[in-house]
Amino acid sequence: MFLWVIRMGKKIRGEKRKKILEIIKKSKMISLQEIKKSTDINYNTIRSAVINLTKAGLIERVERGLYKAK
């Protein structure tokens, strides 16, 4: 499995999570549905990745269903 090291020792596992994080960083705010439309990644995979990225402190929930990079 691919391991990507982020600032302050945070680790992201997997190419799909890396791609999702990059999409979120490029957007001011983005919904899970918008990520789904712009990728071929399964919605549940996106949802799981966003939860893990939020727990890792790399992104934050702005309001219901909208996320942004920190």
PDB file of N, CA and C in Angstrom:
ATOM      1  N   MET A   1       0.845  -1.182   0.000  1.00  0.00           N
ATOM      2  CA  MET A   1       0.000   0.000   0.000  1.00  0.00           C
ATOM      3  C   MET A   1       0.888   1.243   0.000  1.00  0.00           C
ATOM      4  N   PHE A   2       0.527   2.211  -0.782  1.00  0.00           N
ATOM      5  CA  PHE A   2       1.279   3.458  -0.907  1.00  0.00           C
ATOM      6  C   PHE A   2       1.104   4.291   0.358  1.00  0.00           C
ATOM      7  N   LEU A   3       2.172   4.861   0.859  1.00  0.00           N
ATOM      8  CA  LEU A   3       2.134   5.676   2.065  1.00  0.00           C
ATOM      9  C   LEU A   3       2.631   7.069   1.731  1.00  0.00           C
ATOM     10  N   TRP A   4       1.831   8.055   2.037  1.00  0.00           N
ATOM     11  CA  TRP A   4       2.169   9.440   1.722  1.00  0.00           C
ATOM     12  C   TRP A   4       2.290  10.203   3.030  1.00  0.00           C
ATOM     13  N   VAL A   5       3.421  10.834   3.265  1.00  0.00           N
ATOM     14  CA  VAL A   5       3.654  11.561   4.513  1.00  0.00           C
ATOM     15  C   VAL A   5       3.302  13.028   4.311  1.00  0.00           C
ATOM     16  N   ILE A   6       2.534  13.557   5.224  1.00  0.00           N
ATOM     17  CA  ILE A   6       2.055  14.933   5.178  1.00  0.00           C
ATOM     18  C   ILE A   6       2.732  15.723   6.305  1.00  0.00           C
ATOM     19  N   ARG A   7       2.550  17.031   6.289  1.00  0.00           N
ATOM     20  CA  ARG A   7       3.116  17.904   7.308  1.00  0.00           C
ATOM     21  C   ARG A   7       2.846  17.379   8.718  1.00  0.00           C
ATOM     22  N   MET A   8       3.714  17.675   9.619  1.00  0.00           N
ATOM     23  CA  MET A   8       3.617  17.340  11.034  1.00  0.00           C
ATOM     24  C   MET A   8       3.437  15.838  11.279  1.00  0.00           C
ATOM     25  N   GLY A   9       3.994  15.008  10.401  1.00  0.00           N
ATOM     26  CA  GLY A   9       3.965  13.577  10.636  1.00  0.00           C
ATOM     27  C   GLY A   9       2.652  12.893  10.332  1.00  0.00           C
ATOM     28  N   LYS A  10       1.655  13.604   9.808  1.00  0.00           N
ATOM     29  CA  LYS A  10       0.388  12.976   9.464  1.00  0.00           C
ATOM     30  C   LYS A  10       0.621  12.074   8.265  1.00  0.00           C
ATOM     31  N   LYS A  11      -0.019  10.914   8.254  1.00  0.00           N
ATOM     32  CA  LYS A  11       0.175   9.968   7.168  1.00  0.00           C
ATOM     33  C   LYS A  11      -1.142   9.697   6.466  1.00  0.00           C
ATOM     34  N   ILE A  12      -1.083   9.602   5.149  1.00  0.00           N
ATOM     35  CA  ILE A  12      -2.245   9.268   4.349  1.00  0.00           C
ATOM     36  C   ILE A  12      -1.926   7.987   3.620  1.00  0.00           C
ATOM     37  N   ARG A  13      -2.781   7.013   3.749  1.00  0.00           N
ATOM     38  CA  ARG A  13      -2.580   5.737   3.068  1.00  0.00           C
ATOM     39  C   ARG A  13      -3.485   5.679   1.859  1.00  0.00           C
ATOM     40  N   GLY A  14      -2.904   5.371   0.712  1.00  0.00           N
ATOM     41  CA  GLY A  14      -3.687   5.134  -0.483  1.00  0.00           C
ATOM     42  C   GLY A  14      -3.729   6.294  -1.450  1.00  0.00           C
ATOM     43  N   GLU A  15      -3.727   5.933  -2.707  1.00  0.00           N
ATOM     44  CA  GLU A  15      -3.782   6.923  -3.775  1.00  0.00           C
ATOM     45  C   GLU A  15      -5.118   7.663  -3.804  1.00  0.00           C
ATOM     46  N   LYS A  16      -6.206   6.956  -3.493  1.00  0.00           N
ATOM     47  CA  LYS A  16      -7.527   7.589  -3.545  1.00  0.00           C
ATOM     48  C   LYS A  16      -7.650   8.687  -2.497  1.00  0.00           C
ATOM     49  N   ARG A  17      -7.166   8.431  -1.293  1.00  0.00           N
ATOM     50  CA  ARG A  17      -7.208   9.471  -0.249  1.00  0.00           C
ATOM     51  C   ARG A  17      -6.350  10.661  -0.636  1.00  0.00           C
ATOM     52  N   LYS A  18      -5.197  10.393  -1.225  1.00  0.00           N
ATOM     53  CA  LYS A  18      -4.317  11.474  -1.677  1.00  0.00           C
ATOM     54  C   LYS A  18      -5.036  12.316  -2.728  1.00  0.00           C
ATOM     55  N   LYS A  19      -5.696  11.658  -3.667  1.00  0.00           N
ATOM     56  CA  LYS A  19      -6.426  12.365  -4.722  1.00  0.00           C
ATOM     57  C   LYS A  19      -7.569  13.198  -4.145  1.00  0.00           C
ATOM     58  N   ILE A  20      -8.303  12.634  -3.186  1.00  0.00           N
ATOM     59  CA  ILE A  20      -9.403  13.361  -2.547  1.00  0.00           C
ATOM     60  C   ILE A  20      -8.885  14.583  -1.807  1.00  0.00           C
ATOM     61  N   LEU A  21      -7.783  14.428  -1.083  1.00  0.00           N
ATOM     62  CA  LEU A  21      -7.190  15.566  -0.367  1.00  0.00           C
ATOM     63  C   LEU A  21      -6.760  16.655  -1.342  1.00  0.00           C
ATOM     64  N   GLU A  22      -6.161  16.290  -2.449  1.00  0.00           N
ATOM     65  CA  GLU A  22      -5.740  17.278  -3.445  1.00  0.00           C
ATOM     66  C   GLU A  22      -6.935  18.031  -4.020  1.00  0.00           C
ATOM     67  N   ILE A  23      -8.033  17.340  -4.278  1.00  0.00           N
ATOM     68  CA  ILE A  23      -9.248  17.986  -4.795  1.00  0.00           C
ATOM     69  C   ILE A  23      -9.790  18.977  -3.780  1.00  0.00           C
ATOM     70  N   ILE A  24      -9.821  18.576  -2.511  1.00  0.00           N
ATOM     71  CA  ILE A  24     -10.331  19.462  -1.461  1.00  0.00           C
ATOM     72  C   ILE A  24      -9.439  20.687  -1.316  1.00  0.00           C
ATOM     73  N   LYS A  25      -8.116  20.504  -1.399  1.00  0.00           N
ATOM     74  CA  LYS A  25      -7.186  21.629  -1.295  1.00  0.00           C
ATOM     75  C   LYS A  25      -7.383  22.637  -2.430  1.00  0.00           C
ATOM     76  N   LYS A  26      -7.729  22.151  -3.613  1.00  0.00           N
ATOM     77  CA  LYS A  26      -7.899  23.042  -4.767  1.00  0.00           C
ATOM     78  C   LYS A  26      -9.192  23.845  -4.697  1.00  0.00           C
ATOM     79  N   SER A  27     -10.156  23.370  -3.935  1.00  0.00           N
ATOM     80  CA  SER A  27     -11.460  24.027  -3.838  1.00  0.00           C
ATOM     81  C   SER A  27     -11.541  24.865  -2.576  1.00  0.00           C
ATOM     82  N   LYS A  28     -12.302  25.930  -2.643  1.00  0.00           N
ATOM     83  CA  LYS A  28     -12.537  26.722  -1.444  1.00  0.00           C
ATOM     84  C   LYS A  28     -13.371  25.906  -0.464  1.00  0.00           C
ATOM     85  N   MET A  29     -14.472  25.354  -0.967  1.00  0.00           N
ATOM     86  CA  MET A  29     -15.315  24.413  -0.234  1.00  0.00           C
ATOM     87  C   MET A  29     -15.855  23.421  -1.254  1.00  0.00           C
ATOM     88  N   ILE A  30     -16.051  22.172  -0.830  1.00  0.00           N
ATOM     89  CA  ILE A  30     -16.526  21.167  -1.762  1.00  0.00           C
ATOM     90  C   ILE A  30     -17.364  20.129  -1.013  1.00  0.00           C
ATOM     91  N   SER A  31     -18.358  19.608  -1.706  1.00  0.00           N
ATOM     92  CA  SER A  31     -19.202  18.571  -1.121  1.00  0.00           C
ATOM     93  C   SER A  31     -18.730  17.199  -1.583  1.00  0.00           C
ATOM     94  N   LEU A  32     -19.200  16.184  -0.900  1.00  0.00           N
ATOM     95  CA  LEU A  32     -18.861  14.816  -1.279  1.00  0.00           C
ATOM     96  C   LEU A  32     -19.404  14.499  -2.671  1.00  0.00           C
ATOM     97  N   GLN A  33     -20.578  15.022  -2.981  1.00  0.00           N
ATOM     98  CA  GLN A  33     -21.174  14.806  -4.303  1.00  0.00           C
ATOM     99  C   GLN A  33     -20.318  15.435  -5.399  1.00  0.00           C
ATOM    100  N   GLU A  34     -19.765  16.611  -5.145  1.00  0.00           N
ATOM    101  CA  GLU A  34     -18.900  17.265  -6.133  1.00  0.00           C
ATOM    102  C   GLU A  34     -17.610  16.474  -6.337  1.00  0.00           C
ATOM    103  N   ILE A  35     -17.078  15.907  -5.264  1.00  0.00           N
ATOM    104  CA  ILE A  35     -15.890  15.065  -5.395  1.00  0.00           C
ATOM    105  C   ILE A  35     -16.238  13.839  -6.236  1.00  0.00           C
ATOM    106  N   LYS A  36     -17.388  13.243  -5.981  1.00  0.00           N
ATOM    107  CA  LYS A  36     -17.832  12.068  -6.724  1.00  0.00           C
ATOM    108  C   LYS A  36     -17.959  12.381  -8.216  1.00  0.00           C
ATOM    109  N   LYS A  37     -18.521  13.541  -8.554  1.00  0.00           N
ATOM    110  CA  LYS A  37     -18.700  13.939  -9.959  1.00  0.00           C
ATOM    111  C   LYS A  37     -17.365  14.144 -10.669  1.00  0.00           C
ATOM    112  N   SER A  38     -16.354  14.587  -9.937  1.00  0.00           N
ATOM    113  CA  SER A  38     -15.071  14.892 -10.572  1.00  0.00           C
ATOM    114  C   SER A  38     -14.087  13.721 -10.563  1.00  0.00           C
ATOM    115  N   THR A  39     -14.473  12.596  -9.946  1.00  0.00           N
ATOM    116  CA  THR A  39     -13.594  11.424  -9.894  1.00  0.00           C
ATOM    117  C   THR A  39     -14.393  10.167 -10.233  1.00  0.00           C
ATOM    118  N   ASP A  40     -13.703   9.068 -10.347  1.00  0.00           N
ATOM    119  CA  ASP A  40     -14.363   7.780 -10.542  1.00  0.00           C
ATOM    120  C   ASP A  40     -14.339   6.958  -9.255  1.00  0.00           C
ATOM    121  N   ILE A  41     -14.199   7.647  -8.121  1.00  0.00           N
ATOM    122  CA  ILE A  41     -14.105   6.984  -6.820  1.00  0.00           C
ATOM    123  C   ILE A  41     -15.509   6.764  -6.256  1.00  0.00           C
ATOM    124  N   ASN A  42     -15.731   5.596  -5.685  1.00  0.00           N
ATOM    125  CA  ASN A  42     -16.999   5.234  -5.074  1.00  0.00           C
ATOM    126  C   ASN A  42     -17.353   6.215  -3.953  1.00  0.00           C
ATOM    127  N   TYR A  43     -18.643   6.546  -3.817  1.00  0.00           N
ATOM    128  CA  TYR A  43     -19.099   7.516  -2.818  1.00  0.00           C
ATOM    129  C   TYR A  43     -18.711   7.080  -1.401  1.00  0.00           C
ATOM    130  N   ASN A  44     -18.891   5.803  -1.071  1.00  0.00           N
ATOM    131  CA  ASN A  44     -18.552   5.337   0.278  1.00  0.00           C
ATOM    132  C   ASN A  44     -17.060   5.428   0.558  1.00  0.00           C
ATOM    133  N   THR A  45     -16.242   5.247  -0.455  1.00  0.00           N
ATOM    134  CA  THR A  45     -14.798   5.410  -0.313  1.00  0.00           C
ATOM    135  C   THR A  45     -14.471   6.871  -0.033  1.00  0.00           C
ATOM    136  N   ILE A  46     -15.137   7.777  -0.752  1.00  0.00           N
ATOM    137  CA  ILE A  46     -14.947   9.221  -0.531  1.00  0.00           C
ATOM    138  C   ILE A  46     -15.348   9.582   0.890  1.00  0.00           C
ATOM    139  N   ARG A  47     -16.483   9.106   1.311  1.00  0.00           N
ATOM    140  CA  ARG A  47     -16.993   9.403   2.644  1.00  0.00           C
ATOM    141  C   ARG A  47     -16.018   8.916   3.721  1.00  0.00           C
ATOM    142  N   SER A  48     -15.524   7.703   3.573  1.00  0.00           N
ATOM    143  CA  SER A  48     -14.562   7.146   4.521  1.00  0.00           C
ATOM    144  C   SER A  48     -13.268   7.956   4.540  1.00  0.00           C
ATOM    145  N   ALA A  49     -12.786   8.327   3.370  1.00  0.00           N
ATOM    146  CA  ALA A  49     -11.550   9.112   3.286  1.00  0.00           C
ATOM    147  C   ALA A  49     -11.716  10.471   3.946  1.00  0.00           C
ATOM    148  N   VAL A  50     -12.859  11.109   3.716  1.00  0.00           N
ATOM    149  CA  VAL A  50     -13.115  12.432   4.305  1.00  0.00           C
ATOM    150  C   VAL A  50     -13.181  12.335   5.824  1.00  0.00           C
ATOM    151  N   ILE A  51     -13.789  11.297   6.332  1.00  0.00           N
ATOM    152  CA  ILE A  51     -13.841  11.100   7.785  1.00  0.00           C
ATOM    153  C   ILE A  51     -12.424  10.963   8.347  1.00  0.00           C
ATOM    154  N   ASN A  52     -11.606  10.152   7.707  1.00  0.00           N
ATOM    155  CA  ASN A  52     -10.227   9.953   8.174  1.00  0.00           C
ATOM    156  C   ASN A  52      -9.375  11.211   8.031  1.00  0.00           C
ATOM    157  N   LEU A  53      -9.555  11.949   6.941  1.00  0.00           N
ATOM    158  CA  LEU A  53      -8.810  13.197   6.753  1.00  0.00           C
ATOM    159  C   LEU A  53      -9.215  14.237   7.791  1.00  0.00           C
ATOM    160  N   THR A  54     -10.497  14.244   8.160  1.00  0.00           N
ATOM    161  CA  THR A  54     -10.974  15.162   9.196  1.00  0.00           C
ATOM    162  C   THR A  54     -10.369  14.787  10.547  1.00  0.00           C
ATOM    163  N   LYS A  55     -10.376  13.508  10.871  1.00  0.00           N
ATOM    164  CA  LYS A  55      -9.780  13.041  12.140  1.00  0.00           C
ATOM    165  C   LYS A  55      -8.293  13.341  12.200  1.00  0.00           C
ATOM    166  N   ALA A  56      -7.624  13.293  11.052  1.00  0.00           N
ATOM    167  CA  ALA A  56      -6.181  13.577  10.999  1.00  0.00           C
ATOM    168  C   ALA A  56      -5.898  15.071  11.085  1.00  0.00           C
ATOM    169  N   GLY A  57      -6.936  15.896  11.001  1.00  0.00           N
ATOM    170  CA  GLY A  57      -6.754  17.339  11.114  1.00  0.00           C
ATOM    171  C   GLY A  57      -6.309  18.006   9.823  1.00  0.00           C
ATOM    172  N   LEU A  58      -6.445  17.336   8.690  1.00  0.00           N
ATOM    173  CA  LEU A  58      -6.007  17.902   7.416  1.00  0.00           C
ATOM    174  C   LEU A  58      -7.108  18.682   6.704  1.00  0.00           C
ATOM    175  N   ILE A  59      -8.350  18.319   6.989  1.00  0.00           N
ATOM    176  CA  ILE A  59      -9.491  19.060   6.440  1.00  0.00           C
ATOM    177  C   ILE A  59     -10.472  19.307   7.572  1.00  0.00           C
ATOM    178  N   GLU A  60     -11.444  20.182   7.316  1.00  0.00           N
ATOM    179  CA  GLU A  60     -12.462  20.426   8.321  1.00  0.00           C
ATOM    180  C   GLU A  60     -13.826  20.553   7.680  1.00  0.00           C
ATOM    181  N   ARG A  61     -14.823  20.199   8.448  1.00  0.00           N
ATOM    182  CA  ARG A  61     -16.201  20.295   7.998  1.00  0.00           C
ATOM    183  C   ARG A  61     -16.662  21.729   8.188  1.00  0.00           C
ATOM    184  N   VAL A  62     -17.142  22.351   7.106  1.00  0.00           N
ATOM    185  CA  VAL A  62     -17.600  23.733   7.168  1.00  0.00           C
ATOM    186  C   VAL A  62     -19.054  23.769   7.612  1.00  0.00           C
ATOM    187  N   GLU A  63     -19.855  22.952   6.988  1.00  0.00           N
ATOM    188  CA  GLU A  63     -21.242  22.762   7.362  1.00  0.00           C
ATOM    189  C   GLU A  63     -21.652  21.396   6.843  1.00  0.00           C
ATOM    190  N   ARG A  64     -22.880  21.028   7.030  1.00  0.00           N
ATOM    191  CA  ARG A  64     -23.310  19.683   6.636  1.00  0.00           C
ATOM    192  C   ARG A  64     -22.984  19.402   5.173  1.00  0.00           C
ATOM    193  N   GLY A  65     -22.107  18.435   4.962  1.00  0.00           N
ATOM    194  CA  GLY A  65     -21.767  18.007   3.619  1.00  0.00           C
ATOM    195  C   GLY A  65     -20.735  18.836   2.897  1.00  0.00           C
ATOM    196  N   LEU A  66     -20.220  19.888   3.503  1.00  0.00           N
ATOM    197  CA  LEU A  66     -19.203  20.731   2.867  1.00  0.00           C
ATOM    198  C   LEU A  66     -17.914  20.684   3.678  1.00  0.00           C
ATOM    199  N   TYR A  67     -16.817  20.572   2.946  1.00  0.00           N
ATOM    200  CA  TYR A  67     -15.505  20.455   3.580  1.00  0.00           C
ATOM    201  C   TYR A  67     -14.520  21.401   2.931  1.00  0.00           C
ATOM    202  N   LYS A  68     -13.461  21.746   3.696  1.00  0.00           N
ATOM    203  CA  LYS A  68     -12.372  22.569   3.161  1.00  0.00           C
ATOM    204  C   LYS A  68     -11.065  22.132   3.804  1.00  0.00           C
ATOM    205  N   ALA A  69      -9.970  22.446   3.141  1.00  0.00           N
ATOM    206  CA  ALA A  69      -8.657  22.128   3.673  1.00  0.00           C
ATOM    207  C   ALA A  69      -8.300  23.113   4.773  1.00  0.00           C
ATOM    208  N   LYS A  70      -7.506  22.666   5.722  1.00  0.00           N
ATOM    209  CA  LYS A  70      -7.054  23.570   6.797  1.00  0.00           C
ATOM    210  C   LYS A  70      -5.844  24.334   6.347  1.00  0.00           C
TER     211      LYS A  70
END
